[in-house]
């Protein structure tokens, strides 16, 4: 099975699981009047949207490149991830506000009902999280990462639902339901901020966090024949796919020598920095970059 097909199958299973959890937790939340269970259902609703967007983005990435879209639809997953982060943030803020109101105006709950539905949701979430974790182990993918984080945080939310139901059952302290829902909201916000930051970073073509550009320059200078390096840029095309461009001044006299030098540079970029697409401009005595008049201190 191809990696894309494998990811697609995993996302479909996770989507079906999340839809089942959503229906059950909405029924259980309304029946038991449990805000923590309803807030968890709200989180699952975002999970459904997130996984649905991930599936759509995955389908779009399969479209071929064209003269108008030279990278194809590879960044569709980045846009989907950004939208997921925004949705997470809005849902979390709503949950937190409702929890704050319920904290000062607690209502009667049916802890036994909330406990039953919470346990069912927890079991289903654990199954989906395990499947997504296995898929992540096969290779980093932003949408799989987003879906995994959604389901993992929802698994922890289900733990909170079960814990609050047990506390209410044995102590009668109904405010714990609101407190747990607010904690769930804060946890969701944390994940939303992370998703938004990562997605925006890719869209702004920021340097990947696991690539040190200064170290890359130093390594390039260690290659025999490389005299100077400047105007180096590294960015993420889509999750797990890095691109790089740069100017390299050499002492090569022939095209064949430059070809041999490029092979060495390509090996370094692919094996050490995981850059699978590089555009190198070779220079001899002339320099055509804005950094050319600036002394290089590397």
Protein backbone atom coordinates (compact mmCIF):
# COMPACT_ATOMS: atom_id res chain seq x y z
CA UNK A 1 0.00 0.00 0.00
CA UNK A 2 1.34 3.46 -0.94
CA UNK A 3 1.98 6.02 1.85
CA UNK A 4 -0.87 8.19 0.58
CA UNK A 5 -3.31 5.27 0.55
CA UNK A 6 -2.19 4.24 4.02
CA UNK A 7 -2.74 7.76 5.38
CA UNK A 8 -6.10 7.94 3.66
CA UNK A 9 -7.28 4.67 5.20
CA UNK A 10 -6.13 5.72 8.68
CA UNK A 11 -7.89 9.07 8.40
CA UNK A 12 -11.13 7.41 7.27
CA UNK A 13 -11.07 5.06 10.28
CA UNK A 14 -10.30 7.98 12.61
CA UNK A 15 -13.14 10.01 11.04
CA UNK A 16 -15.67 7.20 11.51
CA UNK A 17 -14.55 6.76 15.12
CA UNK A 18 -14.80 10.49 15.84
CA UNK A 19 -18.28 10.71 14.31
CA UNK A 20 -19.48 7.87 16.54
CA UNK A 21 -17.97 9.54 19.63
CA UNK A 22 -19.55 12.87 18.69
CA UNK A 23 -23.07 11.43 18.50
CA UNK A 24 -22.68 9.45 21.74
CA UNK A 25 -21.19 12.32 23.74
CA UNK A 26 -23.81 14.81 22.56
CA UNK A 27 -26.55 12.42 23.65
CA UNK A 28 -24.79 11.70 26.94
CA UNK A 29 -24.00 15.37 27.61
CA UNK A 30 -27.59 16.52 27.10
CA UNK A 31 -28.97 13.56 29.06
CA UNK A 32 -26.63 13.97 32.05
CA UNK A 33 -26.38 17.81 31.84
CA UNK A 34 -22.59 17.43 31.98
CA UNK A 35 -20.72 20.45 30.61
CA UNK A 36 -17.41 18.59 30.55
CA UNK A 37 -18.99 15.87 28.39
CA UNK A 38 -20.57 18.49 26.10
CA UNK A 39 -17.27 20.38 25.88
CA UNK A 40 -15.56 17.14 24.96
CA UNK A 41 -18.23 16.63 22.29
CA UNK A 42 -17.43 20.12 20.99
CA UNK A 43 -13.79 19.12 20.78
CA UNK A 44 -14.73 15.94 18.93
CA UNK A 45 -16.75 18.05 16.49
CA UNK A 46 -13.54 19.94 15.71
CA UNK A 47 -11.80 16.57 15.36
CA UNK A 48 -14.35 15.59 12.72
CA UNK A 49 -13.76 18.84 10.84
CA UNK A 50 -10.01 18.47 11.17
CA UNK A 51 -9.90 14.91 9.89
CA UNK A 52 -12.36 15.78 7.11
CA UNK A 53 -10.14 18.68 6.05
CA UNK A 54 -7.10 16.41 6.22
CA UNK A 55 -8.79 13.93 3.89
CA UNK A 56 -9.75 16.71 1.48
CA UNK A 57 -6.23 18.12 1.53
CA UNK A 58 -4.80 14.64 0.96
CA UNK A 59 -6.97 14.25 -2.12
CA UNK A 60 -5.87 17.65 -3.42
CA UNK A 61 -2.18 16.80 -3.04
CA UNK A 62 -2.68 13.96 -5.52
CA UNK A 63 -3.54 16.41 -8.28
CA UNK A 64 -0.74 16.84 -10.84
CA UNK A 65 1.39 19.97 -11.14
CA UNK A 66 0.62 22.50 -13.85
CA UNK A 67 2.11 25.63 -15.39
CA UNK A 68 -0.07 27.66 -13.03
CA UNK A 69 0.66 25.57 -9.91
CA UNK A 70 4.23 24.35 -10.25
CA UNK A 71 4.08 22.72 -6.80
CA UNK A 72 0.63 21.34 -7.44
CA UNK A 73 -1.65 21.37 -4.38
CA UNK A 74 0.99 20.33 -1.86
CA UNK A 75 0.24 23.25 0.43
CA UNK A 76 -3.44 22.38 0.67
CA UNK A 77 -2.59 20.45 3.84
CA UNK A 78 -0.96 23.56 5.32
CA UNK A 79 -4.09 25.62 4.70
CA UNK A 80 -6.20 22.84 6.21
CA UNK A 81 -3.97 22.75 9.26
CA UNK A 82 -4.24 26.54 9.69
CA UNK A 83 -8.02 26.37 9.47
CA UNK A 84 -8.03 23.54 12.01
CA UNK A 85 -6.03 25.68 14.42
CA UNK A 86 -8.45 28.60 14.09
CA UNK A 87 -11.46 26.31 14.63
CA UNK A 88 -9.81 24.80 17.68
CA UNK A 89 -9.22 28.25 19.13
CA UNK A 90 -12.83 29.38 18.64
CA UNK A 91 -14.27 26.20 20.12
CA UNK A 92 -11.93 26.36 23.12
CA UNK A 93 -12.80 29.98 23.87
CA UNK A 94 -16.50 29.13 23.78
CA UNK A 95 -16.00 26.15 26.10
CA UNK A 96 -13.95 28.23 28.55
CA UNK A 97 -16.56 31.01 28.67
CA UNK A 98 -19.41 28.55 29.23
CA UNK A 99 -17.39 26.79 31.94
CA UNK A 100 -16.75 30.09 33.69
CA UNK A 101 -20.48 30.79 33.76
CA UNK A 102 -21.28 27.28 35.01
CA UNK A 103 -18.65 27.62 37.73
CA UNK A 104 -20.71 30.34 39.43
CA UNK A 105 -24.06 28.82 38.53
CA UNK A 106 -23.66 25.04 38.88
CA UNK A 107 -26.46 22.77 37.71
CA UNK A 108 -27.55 19.29 38.70
CA UNK A 109 -25.81 16.43 36.88
CA UNK A 110 -26.29 12.71 36.33
CA UNK A 111 -22.74 11.49 37.01
CA UNK A 112 -23.51 7.83 36.25
CA UNK A 113 -24.69 8.69 32.72
CA UNK A 114 -21.73 11.02 32.14
CA UNK A 115 -19.37 8.29 33.36
CA UNK A 116 -20.76 5.65 30.99
CA UNK A 117 -20.56 7.87 27.92
CA UNK A 118 -17.18 9.21 28.99
CA UNK A 119 -15.71 5.70 29.19
CA UNK A 120 -17.11 4.81 25.75
CA UNK A 121 -15.62 7.98 24.27
CA UNK A 122 -12.27 7.30 25.96
CA UNK A 123 -12.04 3.79 24.50
CA UNK A 124 -12.83 5.00 20.97
CA UNK A 125 -10.35 7.87 21.26
CA UNK A 126 -7.58 5.55 22.38
CA UNK A 127 -8.17 3.35 19.32
CA UNK A 128 -8.03 6.34 16.94
CA UNK A 129 -4.92 7.75 18.67
CA UNK A 130 -3.06 4.44 18.33
CA UNK A 131 -3.87 4.23 14.60
CA UNK A 132 -2.72 7.80 13.98
CA UNK A 133 0.43 7.30 16.02
CA UNK A 134 1.38 4.31 13.88
CA UNK A 135 0.81 6.39 10.76
CA UNK A 136 2.99 9.21 12.11
CA UNK A 137 5.78 6.72 12.74
CA UNK A 138 5.92 6.03 9.00
CA UNK A 139 6.85 9.65 8.22
CA UNK A 140 6.11 13.20 9.37
CA UNK A 141 3.01 14.73 7.82
CA UNK A 142 1.42 17.97 9.04
CA UNK A 143 -2.16 16.78 8.58
CA UNK A 144 -1.55 13.44 10.26
CA UNK A 145 0.18 15.34 13.05
CA UNK A 146 -2.79 17.70 13.38
CA UNK A 147 -5.29 14.83 13.41
CA UNK A 148 -3.19 12.91 15.93
CA UNK A 149 -2.97 15.94 18.21
CA UNK A 150 -6.72 16.48 17.97
CA UNK A 151 -7.46 12.89 18.93
CA UNK A 152 -4.77 12.76 21.63
CA UNK A 153 -6.07 15.91 23.30
CA UNK A 154 -9.60 14.54 23.04
CA UNK A 155 -8.40 11.35 24.72
CA UNK A 156 -7.10 13.42 27.63
CA UNK A 157 -10.38 15.34 27.63
CA UNK A 158 -12.25 12.03 27.98
CA UNK A 159 -10.05 11.19 30.94
CA UNK A 160 -11.14 14.52 32.47
CA UNK A 161 -14.80 13.71 31.83
CA UNK A 162 -14.49 10.33 33.54
CA UNK A 163 -12.59 11.84 36.48
CA UNK A 164 -15.12 14.65 37.02
CA UNK A 165 -18.04 12.20 36.82
CA UNK A 166 -16.42 10.01 39.48
CA UNK A 167 -15.70 13.00 41.75
CA UNK A 168 -19.29 14.26 41.46
CA UNK A 169 -20.62 10.77 42.09
CA UNK A 170 -18.64 10.30 45.32
CA UNK A 171 -18.49 13.89 46.64
CA UNK A 172 -21.35 15.81 45.02
CA UNK A 173 -18.95 18.63 44.10
CA UNK A 174 -20.61 19.73 40.84
CA UNK A 175 -18.24 22.66 40.21
CA UNK A 176 -15.55 20.15 39.20
CA UNK A 177 -17.46 19.65 35.94
CA UNK A 178 -16.97 23.32 35.01
CA UNK A 179 -13.33 23.30 36.15
CA UNK A 180 -12.53 20.25 34.03
CA UNK A 181 -14.20 21.79 30.99
CA UNK A 182 -12.12 24.96 31.45
CA UNK A 183 -8.92 22.91 31.74
CA UNK A 184 -9.90 21.06 28.56
CA UNK A 185 -10.37 24.42 26.84
CA UNK A 186 -6.93 25.64 27.92
CA UNK A 187 -5.34 22.43 26.67
CA UNK A 188 -7.11 22.82 23.32
CA UNK A 189 -5.91 26.45 23.04
CA UNK A 190 -2.33 25.31 23.60
CA UNK A 191 -2.58 22.87 20.71
CA UNK A 192 -4.36 25.41 18.52
CA UNK A 193 -1.59 27.96 19.00
CA UNK A 194 1.01 25.32 18.08
CA UNK A 195 -0.85 24.36 14.89
CA UNK A 196 -1.37 27.98 13.86
CA UNK A 197 2.27 28.89 14.47
CA UNK A 198 3.57 25.94 12.47
CA UNK A 199 1.14 26.50 9.58
CA UNK A 200 1.81 30.24 9.39
CA UNK A 201 5.56 29.56 9.54
CA UNK A 202 5.33 27.32 6.47
CA UNK A 203 3.15 29.78 4.58
CA UNK A 204 5.63 32.57 5.36
CA UNK A 205 8.44 30.27 4.17
CA UNK A 206 10.24 30.42 7.49
CA UNK A 207 13.32 28.26 7.97
CA UNK A 208 12.34 24.78 9.26
CA UNK A 209 12.96 24.55 12.99
CA UNK A 210 15.26 21.53 12.60
CA UNK A 211 17.52 23.28 10.06
CA UNK A 212 20.38 25.54 11.19
CA UNK A 213 21.22 27.75 8.21
CA UNK A 214 24.53 28.93 9.68
CA UNK A 215 25.61 25.33 10.27
CA UNK A 216 24.54 24.50 6.72
CA UNK A 217 26.77 27.31 5.38
CA UNK A 218 29.72 26.06 7.43
CA UNK A 219 29.24 22.52 6.12
CA UNK A 220 29.09 23.77 2.54
CA UNK A 221 32.36 25.64 3.00
CA UNK A 222 34.02 22.41 4.14
CA UNK A 223 33.41 20.88 0.69
CA UNK A 224 36.60 21.13 -1.41
CA UNK A 225 36.12 23.68 -4.18
CA UNK A 226 33.60 25.87 -2.33
CA UNK A 227 35.07 29.33 -1.64
CA UNK A 228 32.08 31.34 -0.46
CA UNK A 229 28.38 30.80 0.27
CA UNK A 230 25.68 33.46 0.45
CA UNK A 231 21.99 34.18 -0.14
CA UNK A 232 21.05 30.81 1.38
CA UNK A 233 17.34 30.22 1.92
CA UNK A 234 15.68 27.07 3.26
CA UNK A 235 11.90 26.66 3.49
CA UNK A 236 9.19 24.04 3.78
CA UNK A 237 7.10 23.29 0.69
CA UNK A 238 4.81 21.01 2.65
CA UNK A 239 5.33 18.86 5.73
CA UNK A 240 8.48 16.78 5.40
CA UNK A 241 9.56 18.38 2.10
CA UNK A 242 12.27 21.04 2.32
CA UNK A 243 13.60 23.24 -0.48
CA UNK A 244 16.77 25.34 -0.58
CA UNK A 245 18.34 27.98 -2.81
CA UNK A 246 21.74 29.62 -2.57
CA UNK A 247 24.78 31.10 -4.28
CA UNK A 248 28.07 29.19 -4.19
CA UNK A 249 31.36 30.71 -5.33
CA UNK A 250 33.77 28.09 -6.62
CA UNK A 251 37.15 27.77 -8.31
CA UNK A 252 35.74 25.46 -10.97
CA UNK A 253 36.82 26.06 -14.56
CA UNK A 254 34.43 23.73 -16.37
CA UNK A 255 30.80 22.68 -16.26
CA UNK A 256 31.91 19.13 -15.47
CA UNK A 257 33.69 20.35 -12.33
CA UNK A 258 30.56 22.20 -11.22
CA UNK A 259 28.49 19.08 -11.86
CA UNK A 260 30.80 17.04 -9.64
CA UNK A 261 30.64 19.74 -6.96
CA UNK A 262 26.85 19.84 -7.10
CA UNK A 263 26.70 16.09 -6.48
CA UNK A 264 28.64 16.56 -3.23
CA UNK A 265 26.42 19.46 -2.20
CA UNK A 266 23.29 17.44 -3.00
CA UNK A 267 24.47 14.51 -0.84
CA UNK A 268 25.10 16.87 2.09
CA UNK A 269 21.74 18.58 1.75
CA UNK A 270 19.75 15.36 1.43
CA UNK A 271 21.43 13.28 4.13
CA UNK A 272 22.22 15.93 6.75
CA UNK A 273 19.51 18.54 6.28
CA UNK A 274 16.76 16.51 4.55
CA UNK A 275 16.52 19.02 1.68
CA UNK A 276 15.17 17.15 -1.35
CA UNK A 277 15.04 20.07 -3.78
CA UNK A 278 17.94 22.53 -4.11
CA UNK A 279 18.64 25.33 -6.58
CA UNK A 280 22.31 26.32 -6.57
CA UNK A 281 23.72 29.27 -8.51
CA UNK A 282 27.45 28.74 -9.08
CA UNK A 283 29.68 31.81 -9.34
CA UNK A 284 33.37 32.23 -10.17
CA UNK A 285 34.78 35.73 -9.69
CA UNK A 286 31.51 37.61 -10.05
CA UNK A 287 28.83 37.77 -7.40
CA UNK A 288 25.20 38.67 -8.04
CA UNK A 289 23.66 38.75 -4.57
CA UNK A 290 22.89 41.57 -2.17
CA UNK A 291 25.31 40.02 0.33
CA UNK A 292 28.24 40.19 -2.11
CA UNK A 293 29.47 43.55 -0.81
CA UNK A 294 29.16 42.38 2.79
CA UNK A 295 32.12 40.48 4.34
CA UNK A 296 31.16 36.89 5.13
CA UNK A 297 31.78 35.85 8.73
CA UNK A 298 30.78 32.23 9.10
